[in-house]
Amino acid sequence: MTIEKKIEQFFASPAFGVVGASANRDKYGNKVLRCYQQNKLQAIPVHPIAEQIEGEICVNSVSLLPAKVQSLSIITPPQVTEKVVEQAAGHGIKNIWMQVGSESPAAIQYCEEQGINVIADGSCVLVVLGYHDH
C-alpha cells in the first residue's frame, strides 16, 4: 500500500487516540492533539495521570479508548511505543501513526505482523493536516 493510501485509511477513523498527549503546549504530544482539534476531528488524549488536556477528557490507557477510535497517533519514546502497539493490537486498533522520533523497528514489525496499518516513514501528522500554532 502506498503512503498516501495508508494515510487515507488512517484518517477514515471516526475518532483518534493521541498517546503521549501533553499539557505542555511546546511538546509535540500537545501540538498533535491541537492539530486534530483545528481540523474538527475528534481526538482523545491518552495520558497516565492527566484528567484533561486542551479541554478533552483523557483516558489513562489505550485499552480504555472507545471502540470508534480506530487510529492512534503515538508520540512517545521508542521503548514506550513498543508497549503501546501491543496494547493497541489487543484493543482492536487498526491504524497507527508513529510520529518522528517515536518509531522503533520492533514496534513497526509488530504492527506489520498484526496486520495494523502503520505509518512510520517520517511522515508527520502536523504537516499532512496543516497544523498552525496560534
N, C-alpha and C. Protein backbone atom coordinates (compact mmCIF):
# COMPACT_ATOMS: atom_id res chain seq x y z
N MET A 1 0.84 -1.19 0.00
CA MET A 1 0.00 0.00 0.00
C MET A 1 0.89 1.25 0.00
N THR A 2 0.53 2.25 -0.82
CA THR A 2 1.31 3.48 -0.86
C THR A 2 1.12 4.27 0.44
N ILE A 3 2.02 5.19 0.71
CA ILE A 3 1.90 6.01 1.91
C ILE A 3 0.62 6.84 1.85
N GLU A 4 0.25 7.30 0.65
CA GLU A 4 -0.98 8.08 0.50
C GLU A 4 -2.20 7.25 0.92
N LYS A 5 -2.23 5.98 0.51
CA LYS A 5 -3.33 5.08 0.86
C LYS A 5 -3.34 4.81 2.36
N LYS A 6 -2.15 4.62 2.93
CA LYS A 6 -2.05 4.37 4.37
C LYS A 6 -2.61 5.56 5.15
N ILE A 7 -2.25 6.77 4.70
CA ILE A 7 -2.71 7.99 5.37
C ILE A 7 -4.23 8.14 5.21
N GLU A 8 -4.73 7.87 4.01
CA GLU A 8 -6.16 7.95 3.75
C GLU A 8 -6.92 6.99 4.67
N GLN A 9 -6.41 5.78 4.80
CA GLN A 9 -7.04 4.77 5.67
C GLN A 9 -6.99 5.22 7.13
N PHE A 10 -5.86 5.82 7.53
CA PHE A 10 -5.70 6.31 8.90
C PHE A 10 -6.80 7.34 9.23
N PHE A 11 -7.01 8.29 8.32
CA PHE A 11 -7.97 9.36 8.57
C PHE A 11 -9.42 8.95 8.36
N ALA A 12 -9.67 7.72 7.94
CA ALA A 12 -11.05 7.23 7.79
C ALA A 12 -11.67 6.90 9.15
N SER A 13 -10.89 6.87 10.20
CA SER A 13 -11.39 6.56 11.55
C SER A 13 -12.36 7.64 12.03
N PRO A 14 -13.44 7.24 12.73
CA PRO A 14 -14.38 8.23 13.27
C PRO A 14 -13.77 9.07 14.41
N ALA A 15 -12.76 8.55 15.09
CA ALA A 15 -12.10 9.26 16.19
C ALA A 15 -10.67 8.75 16.32
N PHE A 16 -9.84 9.53 17.02
CA PHE A 16 -8.41 9.26 17.09
C PHE A 16 -7.91 9.30 18.53
N GLY A 17 -7.00 8.40 18.84
CA GLY A 17 -6.33 8.43 20.14
C GLY A 17 -4.99 9.11 19.97
N VAL A 18 -4.60 9.89 20.99
CA VAL A 18 -3.29 10.55 20.97
C VAL A 18 -2.51 10.07 22.19
N VAL A 19 -1.59 9.12 21.96
CA VAL A 19 -0.79 8.56 23.05
C VAL A 19 0.48 9.39 23.17
N GLY A 20 0.70 9.90 24.38
CA GLY A 20 1.82 10.81 24.59
C GLY A 20 1.32 12.24 24.59
N ALA A 21 0.00 12.41 24.67
CA ALA A 21 -0.57 13.76 24.76
C ALA A 21 0.03 14.47 25.97
N SER A 22 0.25 15.76 25.82
CA SER A 22 0.90 16.54 26.87
C SER A 22 0.14 17.84 27.10
N ALA A 23 0.13 18.29 28.33
CA ALA A 23 -0.48 19.59 28.65
C ALA A 23 0.47 20.73 28.29
N ASN A 24 1.74 20.42 28.05
CA ASN A 24 2.75 21.42 27.71
C ASN A 24 2.61 21.77 26.22
N ARG A 25 2.21 22.99 25.94
CA ARG A 25 1.92 23.40 24.55
C ARG A 25 3.17 23.42 23.66
N ASP A 26 4.37 23.33 24.24
CA ASP A 26 5.59 23.28 23.44
C ASP A 26 5.91 21.87 22.96
N LYS A 27 5.26 20.88 23.53
CA LYS A 27 5.57 19.49 23.20
C LYS A 27 4.71 18.99 22.04
N TYR A 28 5.28 18.08 21.24
CA TYR A 28 4.56 17.55 20.09
C TYR A 28 3.30 16.79 20.50
N GLY A 29 3.32 16.19 21.68
CA GLY A 29 2.13 15.49 22.16
C GLY A 29 0.95 16.42 22.35
N ASN A 30 1.21 17.69 22.55
CA ASN A 30 0.15 18.70 22.65
C ASN A 30 -0.21 19.22 21.26
N LYS A 31 0.79 19.47 20.45
CA LYS A 31 0.55 20.02 19.10
C LYS A 31 -0.28 19.05 18.26
N VAL A 32 -0.01 17.75 18.37
CA VAL A 32 -0.77 16.77 17.60
C VAL A 32 -2.24 16.78 18.03
N LEU A 33 -2.48 16.84 19.32
CA LEU A 33 -3.85 16.91 19.83
C LEU A 33 -4.55 18.16 19.29
N ARG A 34 -3.87 19.31 19.40
CA ARG A 34 -4.47 20.56 18.91
C ARG A 34 -4.67 20.53 17.40
N CYS A 35 -3.79 19.85 16.68
CA CYS A 35 -3.92 19.73 15.23
C CYS A 35 -5.22 19.00 14.86
N TYR A 36 -5.53 17.93 15.57
CA TYR A 36 -6.80 17.24 15.35
C TYR A 36 -7.96 18.19 15.63
N GLN A 37 -7.87 18.93 16.72
CA GLN A 37 -8.93 19.87 17.08
C GLN A 37 -9.10 20.94 16.00
N GLN A 38 -7.99 21.47 15.49
CA GLN A 38 -8.05 22.50 14.46
C GLN A 38 -8.74 21.99 13.20
N ASN A 39 -8.64 20.68 12.97
CA ASN A 39 -9.23 20.07 11.78
C ASN A 39 -10.60 19.46 12.07
N LYS A 40 -11.16 19.80 13.23
CA LYS A 40 -12.51 19.34 13.63
C LYS A 40 -12.62 17.82 13.66
N LEU A 41 -11.52 17.17 14.06
CA LEU A 41 -11.51 15.72 14.20
C LEU A 41 -11.55 15.38 15.68
N GLN A 42 -12.33 14.37 16.05
CA GLN A 42 -12.42 14.01 17.46
C GLN A 42 -11.16 13.27 17.87
N ALA A 43 -10.49 13.79 18.89
CA ALA A 43 -9.26 13.16 19.39
C ALA A 43 -9.37 12.99 20.89
N ILE A 44 -8.93 11.84 21.36
CA ILE A 44 -8.97 11.53 22.79
C ILE A 44 -7.54 11.36 23.28
N PRO A 45 -7.11 12.23 24.21
CA PRO A 45 -5.75 12.12 24.72
C PRO A 45 -5.61 10.91 25.65
N VAL A 46 -4.48 10.21 25.50
CA VAL A 46 -4.15 9.09 26.40
C VAL A 46 -2.97 9.57 27.25
N HIS A 47 -3.20 9.63 28.55
CA HIS A 47 -2.18 10.12 29.48
C HIS A 47 -2.34 9.38 30.80
N PRO A 48 -1.24 8.90 31.39
CA PRO A 48 -1.36 8.07 32.60
C PRO A 48 -1.99 8.78 33.80
N ILE A 49 -1.83 10.11 33.93
CA ILE A 49 -2.38 10.76 35.13
C ILE A 49 -3.24 12.00 34.87
N ALA A 50 -3.05 12.68 33.75
CA ALA A 50 -3.83 13.90 33.49
C ALA A 50 -5.31 13.55 33.32
N GLU A 51 -6.17 14.43 33.81
CA GLU A 51 -7.61 14.23 33.66
C GLU A 51 -8.14 14.88 32.40
N GLN A 52 -7.48 15.98 31.99
CA GLN A 52 -7.95 16.75 30.86
C GLN A 52 -6.77 17.46 30.21
N ILE A 53 -6.74 17.49 28.88
CA ILE A 53 -5.72 18.24 28.14
C ILE A 53 -6.43 18.97 27.01
N GLU A 54 -6.19 20.27 26.91
CA GLU A 54 -6.81 21.10 25.86
C GLU A 54 -8.33 20.93 25.83
N GLY A 55 -8.93 20.76 27.00
CA GLY A 55 -10.39 20.66 27.09
C GLY A 55 -10.94 19.28 26.79
N GLU A 56 -10.07 18.33 26.43
CA GLU A 56 -10.52 16.96 26.13
C GLU A 56 -10.30 16.09 27.36
N ILE A 57 -11.27 15.25 27.67
CA ILE A 57 -11.14 14.30 28.78
C ILE A 57 -10.14 13.22 28.38
N CYS A 58 -9.19 12.93 29.26
CA CYS A 58 -8.17 11.92 28.99
C CYS A 58 -8.62 10.53 29.43
N VAL A 59 -8.09 9.53 28.78
CA VAL A 59 -8.15 8.16 29.30
C VAL A 59 -6.72 7.82 29.68
N ASN A 60 -6.53 6.94 30.68
CA ASN A 60 -5.15 6.70 31.11
C ASN A 60 -4.52 5.48 30.48
N SER A 61 -5.23 4.85 29.54
CA SER A 61 -4.67 3.69 28.85
C SER A 61 -5.35 3.50 27.50
N VAL A 62 -4.61 2.96 26.54
CA VAL A 62 -5.17 2.65 25.22
C VAL A 62 -6.38 1.74 25.36
N SER A 63 -6.33 0.83 26.32
CA SER A 63 -7.42 -0.14 26.50
C SER A 63 -8.74 0.51 26.93
N LEU A 64 -8.70 1.79 27.33
CA LEU A 64 -9.92 2.49 27.75
C LEU A 64 -10.50 3.39 26.65
N LEU A 65 -9.87 3.40 25.49
CA LEU A 65 -10.39 4.20 24.37
C LEU A 65 -11.70 3.59 23.87
N PRO A 66 -12.67 4.43 23.47
CA PRO A 66 -13.92 3.88 22.92
C PRO A 66 -13.68 3.17 21.59
N ALA A 67 -14.58 2.27 21.22
CA ALA A 67 -14.43 1.46 20.01
C ALA A 67 -14.34 2.28 18.73
N LYS A 68 -14.92 3.49 18.73
CA LYS A 68 -14.88 4.30 17.50
C LYS A 68 -13.47 4.81 17.19
N VAL A 69 -12.56 4.70 18.16
CA VAL A 69 -11.16 5.08 17.91
C VAL A 69 -10.48 3.90 17.21
N GLN A 70 -10.22 4.08 15.92
CA GLN A 70 -9.57 3.02 15.13
C GLN A 70 -8.15 3.41 14.73
N SER A 71 -7.81 4.67 14.99
CA SER A 71 -6.48 5.17 14.62
C SER A 71 -5.82 5.84 15.83
N LEU A 72 -4.52 5.62 15.92
CA LEU A 72 -3.76 6.08 17.07
C LEU A 72 -2.55 6.87 16.59
N SER A 73 -2.37 8.08 17.12
CA SER A 73 -1.12 8.82 16.93
C SER A 73 -0.26 8.52 18.16
N ILE A 74 0.98 8.15 17.93
CA ILE A 74 1.87 7.84 19.04
C ILE A 74 3.02 8.84 19.04
N ILE A 75 3.17 9.52 20.19
CA ILE A 75 4.25 10.49 20.38
C ILE A 75 4.92 10.13 21.70
N THR A 76 5.63 9.02 21.72
CA THR A 76 6.28 8.53 22.93
C THR A 76 7.70 8.07 22.58
N PRO A 77 8.57 7.90 23.58
CA PRO A 77 9.89 7.34 23.28
C PRO A 77 9.74 5.92 22.70
N PRO A 78 10.67 5.50 21.84
CA PRO A 78 10.55 4.20 21.16
C PRO A 78 10.27 3.02 22.09
N GLN A 79 10.89 2.97 23.28
CA GLN A 79 10.66 1.83 24.16
C GLN A 79 9.23 1.83 24.70
N VAL A 80 8.63 3.01 24.84
CA VAL A 80 7.22 3.09 25.26
C VAL A 80 6.32 2.71 24.08
N THR A 81 6.68 3.16 22.88
CA THR A 81 5.92 2.84 21.67
C THR A 81 5.75 1.32 21.54
N GLU A 82 6.80 0.57 21.85
CA GLU A 82 6.74 -0.89 21.74
C GLU A 82 5.66 -1.48 22.63
N LYS A 83 5.46 -0.91 23.81
CA LYS A 83 4.39 -1.39 24.71
C LYS A 83 3.02 -0.92 24.21
N VAL A 84 2.97 0.31 23.71
CA VAL A 84 1.71 0.90 23.24
C VAL A 84 1.13 0.10 22.07
N VAL A 85 1.98 -0.31 21.13
CA VAL A 85 1.46 -1.04 19.96
C VAL A 85 0.86 -2.39 20.37
N GLU A 86 1.42 -3.01 21.40
CA GLU A 86 0.84 -4.27 21.88
C GLU A 86 -0.53 -4.03 22.50
N GLN A 87 -0.65 -2.97 23.30
CA GLN A 87 -1.96 -2.61 23.87
C GLN A 87 -2.95 -2.30 22.76
N ALA A 88 -2.49 -1.57 21.75
CA ALA A 88 -3.35 -1.16 20.64
C ALA A 88 -3.87 -2.38 19.88
N ALA A 89 -2.98 -3.32 19.59
CA ALA A 89 -3.39 -4.53 18.87
C ALA A 89 -4.43 -5.30 19.68
N GLY A 90 -4.21 -5.39 20.97
CA GLY A 90 -5.13 -6.10 21.86
C GLY A 90 -6.48 -5.40 21.97
N HIS A 91 -6.51 -4.11 21.65
CA HIS A 91 -7.74 -3.31 21.76
C HIS A 91 -8.44 -3.15 20.40
N GLY A 92 -7.87 -3.74 19.36
CA GLY A 92 -8.52 -3.69 18.04
C GLY A 92 -8.23 -2.44 17.23
N ILE A 93 -7.19 -1.70 17.59
CA ILE A 93 -6.80 -0.51 16.81
C ILE A 93 -6.31 -0.98 15.44
N LYS A 94 -6.76 -0.30 14.38
CA LYS A 94 -6.45 -0.73 13.02
C LYS A 94 -5.33 0.07 12.35
N ASN A 95 -5.10 1.30 12.84
CA ASN A 95 -4.13 2.20 12.22
C ASN A 95 -3.27 2.87 13.28
N ILE A 96 -1.96 2.88 13.05
CA ILE A 96 -1.03 3.52 13.99
C ILE A 96 -0.08 4.43 13.22
N TRP A 97 0.01 5.66 13.70
CA TRP A 97 0.94 6.63 13.12
C TRP A 97 1.97 6.96 14.18
N MET A 98 3.21 6.57 13.95
CA MET A 98 4.30 6.87 14.87
C MET A 98 4.94 8.18 14.42
N GLN A 99 4.81 9.20 15.27
CA GLN A 99 5.43 10.48 14.94
C GLN A 99 6.95 10.31 14.91
N VAL A 100 7.60 11.19 14.19
CA VAL A 100 9.06 11.17 14.08
C VAL A 100 9.67 11.13 15.48
N GLY A 101 10.57 10.17 15.70
CA GLY A 101 11.24 10.04 16.99
C GLY A 101 10.60 9.02 17.92
N SER A 102 9.39 8.57 17.57
CA SER A 102 8.73 7.57 18.42
C SER A 102 8.84 6.16 17.83
N GLU A 103 9.34 6.08 16.59
CA GLU A 103 9.40 4.80 15.90
C GLU A 103 10.45 3.86 16.52
N SER A 104 10.17 2.58 16.42
CA SER A 104 11.18 1.58 16.74
C SER A 104 10.99 0.44 15.76
N PRO A 105 12.09 -0.14 15.26
CA PRO A 105 11.96 -1.25 14.31
C PRO A 105 11.09 -2.38 14.87
N ALA A 106 11.23 -2.68 16.16
CA ALA A 106 10.44 -3.76 16.78
C ALA A 106 8.94 -3.41 16.77
N ALA A 107 8.60 -2.16 17.06
CA ALA A 107 7.20 -1.73 17.08
C ALA A 107 6.60 -1.78 15.67
N ILE A 108 7.37 -1.34 14.69
CA ILE A 108 6.90 -1.35 13.29
C ILE A 108 6.66 -2.80 12.85
N GLN A 109 7.62 -3.67 13.14
CA GLN A 109 7.49 -5.08 12.76
C GLN A 109 6.28 -5.71 13.44
N TYR A 110 6.07 -5.40 14.70
CA TYR A 110 4.93 -5.94 15.45
C TYR A 110 3.62 -5.52 14.77
N CYS A 111 3.50 -4.25 14.42
CA CYS A 111 2.29 -3.76 13.74
C CYS A 111 2.06 -4.51 12.43
N GLU A 112 3.12 -4.67 11.67
CA GLU A 112 3.00 -5.37 10.38
C GLU A 112 2.56 -6.82 10.58
N GLU A 113 3.12 -7.48 11.60
CA GLU A 113 2.75 -8.87 11.89
C GLU A 113 1.28 -8.98 12.33
N GLN A 114 0.77 -7.93 12.98
CA GLN A 114 -0.60 -7.93 13.48
C GLN A 114 -1.60 -7.43 12.41
N GLY A 115 -1.10 -7.05 11.25
CA GLY A 115 -1.97 -6.56 10.18
C GLY A 115 -2.47 -5.14 10.43
N ILE A 116 -1.73 -4.38 11.24
CA ILE A 116 -2.10 -3.00 11.52
C ILE A 116 -1.47 -2.10 10.45
N ASN A 117 -2.27 -1.16 9.94
CA ASN A 117 -1.76 -0.16 9.01
C ASN A 117 -0.84 0.77 9.79
N VAL A 118 0.45 0.72 9.50
CA VAL A 118 1.41 1.52 10.28
C VAL A 118 2.08 2.56 9.40
N ILE A 119 2.13 3.79 9.91
CA ILE A 119 2.81 4.89 9.24
C ILE A 119 3.98 5.28 10.14
N ALA A 120 5.19 5.04 9.65
CA ALA A 120 6.38 5.32 10.45
C ALA A 120 7.55 5.63 9.53
N ASP A 121 7.26 6.39 8.48
CA ASP A 121 8.27 6.67 7.46
C ASP A 121 8.81 8.09 7.56
N GLY A 122 8.54 8.75 8.69
CA GLY A 122 8.95 10.13 8.84
C GLY A 122 7.85 11.11 8.48
N SER A 123 6.72 10.60 7.96
CA SER A 123 5.58 11.48 7.70
C SER A 123 5.11 12.07 9.02
N CYS A 124 4.63 13.31 8.97
CA CYS A 124 4.21 14.00 10.19
C CYS A 124 2.75 14.41 10.06
N VAL A 125 1.95 14.00 11.03
CA VAL A 125 0.53 14.34 11.02
C VAL A 125 0.33 15.85 11.00
N LEU A 126 1.23 16.60 11.62
CA LEU A 126 1.12 18.06 11.65
C LEU A 126 1.27 18.66 10.26
N VAL A 127 2.14 18.07 9.46
CA VAL A 127 2.37 18.54 8.09
C VAL A 127 1.18 18.15 7.21
N VAL A 128 0.75 16.90 7.32
CA VAL A 128 -0.34 16.39 6.48
C VAL A 128 -1.63 17.16 6.74
N LEU A 129 -1.93 17.45 8.00
CA LEU A 129 -3.17 18.17 8.34
C LEU A 129 -3.01 19.69 8.31
N GLY A 130 -1.79 20.18 8.21
CA GLY A 130 -1.57 21.62 8.16
C GLY A 130 -1.75 22.31 9.49
N TYR A 131 -0.96 21.88 10.48
CA TYR A 131 -1.03 22.47 11.83
C TYR A 131 -0.55 23.92 11.82
N HIS A 132 -1.21 24.75 12.59
CA HIS A 132 -0.72 26.12 12.79
C HIS A 132 -0.81 26.49 14.26
N ASP A 133 0.29 27.02 14.78
CA ASP A 133 0.35 27.42 16.19
C ASP A 133 -0.31 28.80 16.31
N HIS A 134 -1.19 28.93 17.29
CA HIS A 134 -1.79 30.26 17.50
C HIS A 134 -2.08 30.49 18.95
